Amino acid sequence: MLIMKKAYIRFYAELNNFIKRENRYKDIKYRFNSGTTVKHAVDTFGIPQTEIDFVLSNRKSVSLNYKIRNNDRISIYPVFESFDIKKTSRVRNNSLRTIKFIADVHLKKLAKYLRFLGFDTLYSNSFRDKKIVTISNNENRIILTCDVELLNRKEVTHGYLVKSRNKYIQIEEVIHRFQLENSFNIFSRCLECNSSLKKISREITKDRIPEYIYRNFDNFKICSSCNKIYWEGSHFDNLLSKLKKILIN
């Protein structure tokens, strides 16, 4: 007869949102067979690995590949912006030097706002999950999604589960999660295709924009890929005003 071993697992902070209500904010008795890893245990609770930043076993830092032992006490933490974990081993040691995103089909507005703030963000309503994962891995991009199942794919290495369905709160979430407050480069990317914008002379735009725009504005930029022309008009001001209110809050 196979004797099951037991350990005690506790999830912290927002990780509790993924598990059953009766298991939240307390030690959970977990039955397992020899050879079971923390990764396997996390999977059984349905928590995306991308949401986990570090793990402790009996107060010692371990990886997701740690094999759980009988009577272990496992503590599993999400990312904390103000929590000092310099002396612990983070779950993912291949952190990304440059922040780049790829957003799923449900996050078109979020992708647009991130581009407006200057962040390299791929988006297409034709992207399916498999392609998103492939691009993410090939180009070292962080997946932004509302789909837990997408982040639970074993090939995914970097991602974030967007919690809110409100487009303005979503941008606040992402900025806070990745600490982007000091990295804005506003009006530097095309809102349509994500390519870089470059300045062009006013004269070049004369036959390509409405006459009243040409008369009333002096500064223009053009997309290096799709050739869309931009100027800091009312649309720019409205979007900037909305984002400023969010970021100030």
Protein backbone atom coordinates (compact mmCIF):
# COMPACT_ATOMS: atom_id res chain seq x y z
CA MET A 1 0.00 0.00 0.00
CA LEU A 2 1.37 3.40 -1.04
CA ILE A 3 1.62 5.77 1.92
CA MET A 4 1.06 9.41 0.99
CA LYS A 5 3.30 12.02 2.55
CA LYS A 6 2.05 15.36 3.75
CA ALA A 7 3.30 18.93 3.74
CA TYR A 8 1.78 22.29 4.58
CA ILE A 9 1.53 24.93 1.87
CA ARG A 10 0.57 28.57 2.33
CA PHE A 11 0.01 31.11 -0.42
CA TYR A 12 0.48 34.81 0.26
CA ALA A 13 -1.15 38.06 -0.86
CA GLU A 14 -2.90 38.02 -4.25
CA LEU A 15 -2.00 34.38 -4.92
CA ASN A 16 -4.98 33.57 -2.72
CA ASN A 17 -7.26 34.88 -5.46
CA PHE A 18 -6.49 31.76 -7.50
CA ILE A 19 -7.41 29.14 -4.92
CA LYS A 20 -10.64 27.98 -3.29
CA ARG A 21 -12.03 30.32 -0.68
CA GLU A 22 -11.74 27.75 2.11
CA ASN A 23 -7.98 27.44 1.50
CA ARG A 24 -7.12 31.13 1.48
CA TYR A 25 -4.75 32.78 3.98
CA LYS A 26 -3.96 29.61 5.91
CA ASP A 27 -1.77 26.51 5.89
CA ILE A 28 -3.15 23.89 3.51
CA LYS A 29 -2.48 20.23 4.23
CA TYR A 30 -1.12 18.83 0.98
CA ARG A 31 -0.84 15.08 0.33
CA PHE A 32 1.79 13.96 -2.16
CA ASN A 33 3.94 11.11 -3.45
CA SER A 34 7.73 10.96 -3.35
CA GLY A 35 9.36 13.07 -6.03
CA THR A 36 6.63 15.72 -6.12
CA THR A 37 8.04 19.19 -6.75
CA VAL A 38 6.79 22.61 -5.70
CA LYS A 39 6.03 23.25 -9.37
CA HIS A 40 3.70 20.26 -9.49
CA ALA A 41 1.99 21.35 -6.29
CA VAL A 42 1.47 24.87 -7.63
CA ASP A 43 -0.03 23.43 -10.83
CA THR A 44 -2.59 21.42 -8.86
CA PHE A 45 -3.86 24.66 -7.32
CA GLY A 46 -4.17 26.30 -10.75
CA ILE A 47 -1.76 29.17 -10.08
CA PRO A 48 0.29 30.42 -13.07
CA GLN A 49 4.00 30.09 -12.36
CA THR A 50 4.54 33.58 -13.77
CA GLU A 51 2.69 34.97 -10.74
CA ILE A 52 5.21 33.44 -8.31
CA ASP A 53 8.43 35.21 -7.42
CA PHE A 54 9.96 33.11 -4.67
CA VAL A 55 9.37 30.05 -2.50
CA LEU A 56 10.47 29.14 1.01
CA SER A 57 10.64 25.63 2.44
CA ASN A 58 11.03 25.64 6.20
CA ARG A 59 12.15 29.29 5.92
CA LYS A 60 14.87 28.48 3.39
CA SER A 61 14.74 29.72 -0.20
CA VAL A 62 14.10 26.99 -2.80
CA SER A 63 13.20 26.78 -6.49
CA LEU A 64 10.05 25.45 -8.12
CA ASN A 65 11.98 22.25 -8.84
CA TYR A 66 12.51 21.58 -5.15
CA LYS A 67 11.26 18.10 -4.20
CA ILE A 68 8.88 18.38 -1.28
CA ARG A 69 9.70 16.32 1.80
CA ASN A 70 7.42 14.94 4.46
CA ASN A 71 6.19 17.62 6.91
CA ASP A 72 7.75 20.47 4.93
CA ARG A 73 6.23 23.91 5.40
CA ILE A 74 6.12 25.64 2.03
CA SER A 75 5.51 29.39 1.70
CA ILE A 76 4.80 30.73 -1.78
CA TYR A 77 4.96 34.46 -2.55
CA PRO A 78 4.03 36.72 -5.46
CA VAL A 79 6.09 39.73 -6.52
CA PHE A 80 6.43 42.39 -3.82
CA GLU A 81 7.67 45.83 -4.85
CA SER A 82 8.61 46.81 -1.28
CA PHE A 83 9.73 43.47 0.12
CA ASP A 84 13.47 42.86 0.47
CA ILE A 85 14.29 39.45 -1.04
CA LYS A 86 17.88 40.09 -2.09
CA LYS A 87 19.13 37.12 -0.07
CA THR A 88 16.58 34.67 -1.45
CA SER A 89 16.56 32.69 -4.68
CA ARG A 90 13.93 34.03 -7.03
CA VAL A 91 11.93 31.50 -9.01
CA ARG A 92 13.04 32.98 -12.36
CA ASN A 93 16.70 33.91 -12.50
CA ASN A 94 16.60 34.92 -16.18
CA SER A 95 15.11 38.33 -15.57
CA LEU A 96 14.59 40.50 -18.63
CA ARG A 97 17.01 43.41 -19.08
CA THR A 98 14.60 45.29 -21.34
CA ILE A 99 10.88 45.41 -20.67
CA LYS A 100 8.90 44.45 -23.77
CA PHE A 101 5.34 43.18 -23.89
CA ILE A 102 2.99 41.14 -26.03
CA ALA A 103 -0.72 41.50 -25.23
CA ASP A 104 -3.45 38.98 -25.94
CA VAL A 105 -6.52 39.66 -28.09
CA HIS A 106 -8.56 41.02 -25.16
CA LEU A 107 -6.12 43.81 -24.28
CA LYS A 108 -6.15 46.09 -27.32
CA LYS A 109 -6.68 49.29 -25.29
CA LEU A 110 -3.98 48.36 -22.79
CA ALA A 111 -1.54 47.78 -25.65
CA LYS A 112 -2.41 51.20 -27.08
CA TYR A 113 -1.84 52.97 -23.76
CA LEU A 114 1.48 51.21 -23.22
CA ARG A 115 2.61 52.27 -26.68
CA PHE A 116 1.54 55.84 -25.95
CA LEU A 117 3.77 55.79 -22.87
CA GLY A 118 6.65 54.51 -24.98
CA PHE A 119 6.70 50.79 -24.16
CA ASP A 120 7.37 48.23 -26.88
CA THR A 121 4.07 46.31 -26.97
CA LEU A 122 3.03 43.86 -29.67
CA TYR A 123 -0.68 43.29 -30.29
CA SER A 124 -2.78 41.77 -33.04
CA ASN A 125 -6.31 40.41 -32.94
CA SER A 126 -4.99 37.55 -35.09
CA PHE A 127 -2.57 36.34 -32.41
CA ARG A 128 -3.55 32.96 -30.96
CA ASP A 129 -2.14 31.58 -27.73
CA LYS A 130 0.51 29.40 -29.37
CA LYS A 131 1.84 32.29 -31.44
CA ILE A 132 1.88 34.61 -28.42
CA VAL A 133 3.99 32.11 -26.47
CA THR A 134 6.36 31.61 -29.41
CA ILE A 135 6.89 35.34 -29.91
CA SER A 136 7.29 35.85 -26.16
CA ASN A 137 10.08 33.28 -25.97
CA ASN A 138 11.81 34.26 -29.20
CA GLU A 139 11.80 38.00 -28.46
CA ASN A 140 11.97 37.93 -24.64
CA ARG A 141 8.58 39.61 -24.25
CA ILE A 142 6.33 39.56 -21.20
CA ILE A 143 2.89 38.15 -21.94
CA LEU A 144 -0.01 40.31 -20.75
CA THR A 145 -3.27 38.39 -20.57
CA CYS A 146 -6.54 37.91 -18.71
CA ASP A 147 -6.37 34.17 -19.42
CA VAL A 148 -5.00 31.97 -16.63
CA GLU A 149 -4.76 29.00 -18.99
CA LEU A 150 -2.38 30.89 -21.27
CA LEU A 151 0.04 31.58 -18.41
CA ASN A 152 -0.26 27.98 -17.24
CA ARG A 153 1.32 26.71 -20.46
CA LYS A 154 4.62 25.05 -19.59
CA GLU A 155 6.49 27.00 -22.29
CA VAL A 156 5.66 30.39 -20.74
CA THR A 157 8.56 31.98 -18.86
CA HIS A 158 7.45 35.59 -18.35
CA GLY A 159 3.91 36.85 -18.03
CA TYR A 160 1.42 38.79 -15.98
CA LEU A 161 -2.24 38.05 -15.36
CA VAL A 162 -4.13 41.34 -15.73
CA LYS A 163 -6.76 41.35 -12.99
CA SER A 164 -9.02 44.28 -13.85
CA ARG A 165 -11.40 44.53 -16.80
CA ASN A 166 -11.26 48.33 -16.63
CA LYS A 167 -8.86 49.66 -19.28
CA TYR A 168 -7.61 52.51 -17.08
CA ILE A 169 -7.01 50.31 -14.06
CA GLN A 170 -5.22 47.82 -16.31
CA ILE A 171 -2.55 50.35 -17.27
CA GLU A 172 -2.13 51.28 -13.60
CA GLU A 173 -1.73 47.58 -12.75
CA VAL A 174 0.99 46.99 -15.31
CA ILE A 175 2.92 50.15 -14.48
CA HIS A 176 2.86 49.30 -10.77
CA ARG A 177 3.67 45.61 -11.27
CA PHE A 178 6.75 46.28 -13.41
CA GLN A 179 7.75 49.55 -11.69
CA LEU A 180 7.64 51.57 -14.90
CA GLU A 181 6.89 54.95 -13.32
CA ASN A 182 10.28 56.40 -14.30
CA SER A 183 10.54 54.79 -17.73
CA PHE A 184 7.99 56.71 -19.78
CA ASN A 185 8.91 57.95 -23.24
CA ILE A 186 5.62 59.50 -24.26
CA PHE A 187 4.74 59.95 -27.93
CA SER A 188 7.62 57.81 -29.19
CA ARG A 189 5.75 54.79 -30.62
CA CYS A 190 3.07 54.30 -33.23
CA LEU A 191 -0.27 53.50 -31.61
CA GLU A 192 -1.23 51.37 -34.61
CA CYS A 193 1.82 49.20 -35.30
CA ASN A 194 4.19 49.77 -32.33
CA SER A 195 7.13 50.99 -34.45
CA SER A 196 9.24 54.00 -33.45
CA LEU A 197 8.20 57.54 -34.36
CA LYS A 198 10.61 60.07 -35.81
CA LYS A 199 10.31 63.81 -36.24
CA ILE A 200 9.56 65.23 -39.67
CA SER A 201 9.42 68.77 -40.96
CA ARG A 202 6.07 70.50 -41.19
CA GLU A 203 6.46 71.04 -44.94
CA ILE A 204 6.59 67.30 -45.67
CA THR A 205 3.15 66.79 -44.12
CA LYS A 206 1.37 69.49 -46.13
CA ASP A 207 -0.28 67.23 -48.71
CA ARG A 208 -0.87 64.35 -46.31
CA ILE A 209 -2.94 65.90 -43.51
CA PRO A 210 -6.06 68.11 -43.30
CA GLU A 211 -5.37 71.77 -44.05
CA TYR A 212 -6.57 73.02 -40.65
CA ILE A 213 -4.13 70.64 -38.94
CA TYR A 214 -1.30 71.98 -41.07
CA ARG A 215 -2.22 75.56 -40.21
CA ASN A 216 -2.54 75.04 -36.46
CA PHE A 217 0.31 72.68 -35.57
CA ASP A 218 4.07 72.91 -35.97
CA ASN A 219 5.45 69.63 -34.61
CA PHE A 220 4.87 66.34 -36.38
CA LYS A 221 6.14 62.77 -36.18
CA ILE A 222 5.86 59.86 -38.58
CA CYS A 223 5.87 56.11 -38.00
CA SER A 224 9.01 54.47 -39.32
CA SER A 225 6.99 51.48 -40.58
CA CYS A 226 3.41 52.36 -41.53
CA ASN A 227 4.07 56.08 -42.26
CA LYS A 228 1.16 57.25 -40.13
CA ILE A 229 1.60 60.92 -39.19
CA TYR A 230 1.07 62.14 -35.63
CA TRP A 231 0.69 65.55 -34.01
CA GLU A 232 -0.09 66.67 -30.48
CA GLY A 233 -3.73 67.54 -31.00
CA SER A 234 -6.83 67.15 -28.84
CA HIS A 235 -6.69 63.35 -29.01
CA PHE A 236 -3.14 63.44 -27.65
CA ASP A 237 -4.13 65.89 -24.90
CA ASN A 238 -7.18 63.85 -23.86
CA LEU A 239 -5.24 60.61 -23.66
CA LEU A 240 -2.39 62.23 -21.76
CA SER A 241 -4.84 63.84 -19.33
CA LYS A 242 -6.56 60.51 -18.60
CA LEU A 243 -3.28 58.71 -18.03
CA LYS A 244 -1.97 61.50 -15.80
CA LYS A 245 -5.01 61.18 -13.53
CA ILE A 246 -4.46 57.43 -13.26
CA LEU A 247 -0.76 57.74 -12.54
CA ILE A 248 -1.21 60.52 -9.97
CA ASN A 249 -3.72 58.35 -8.11
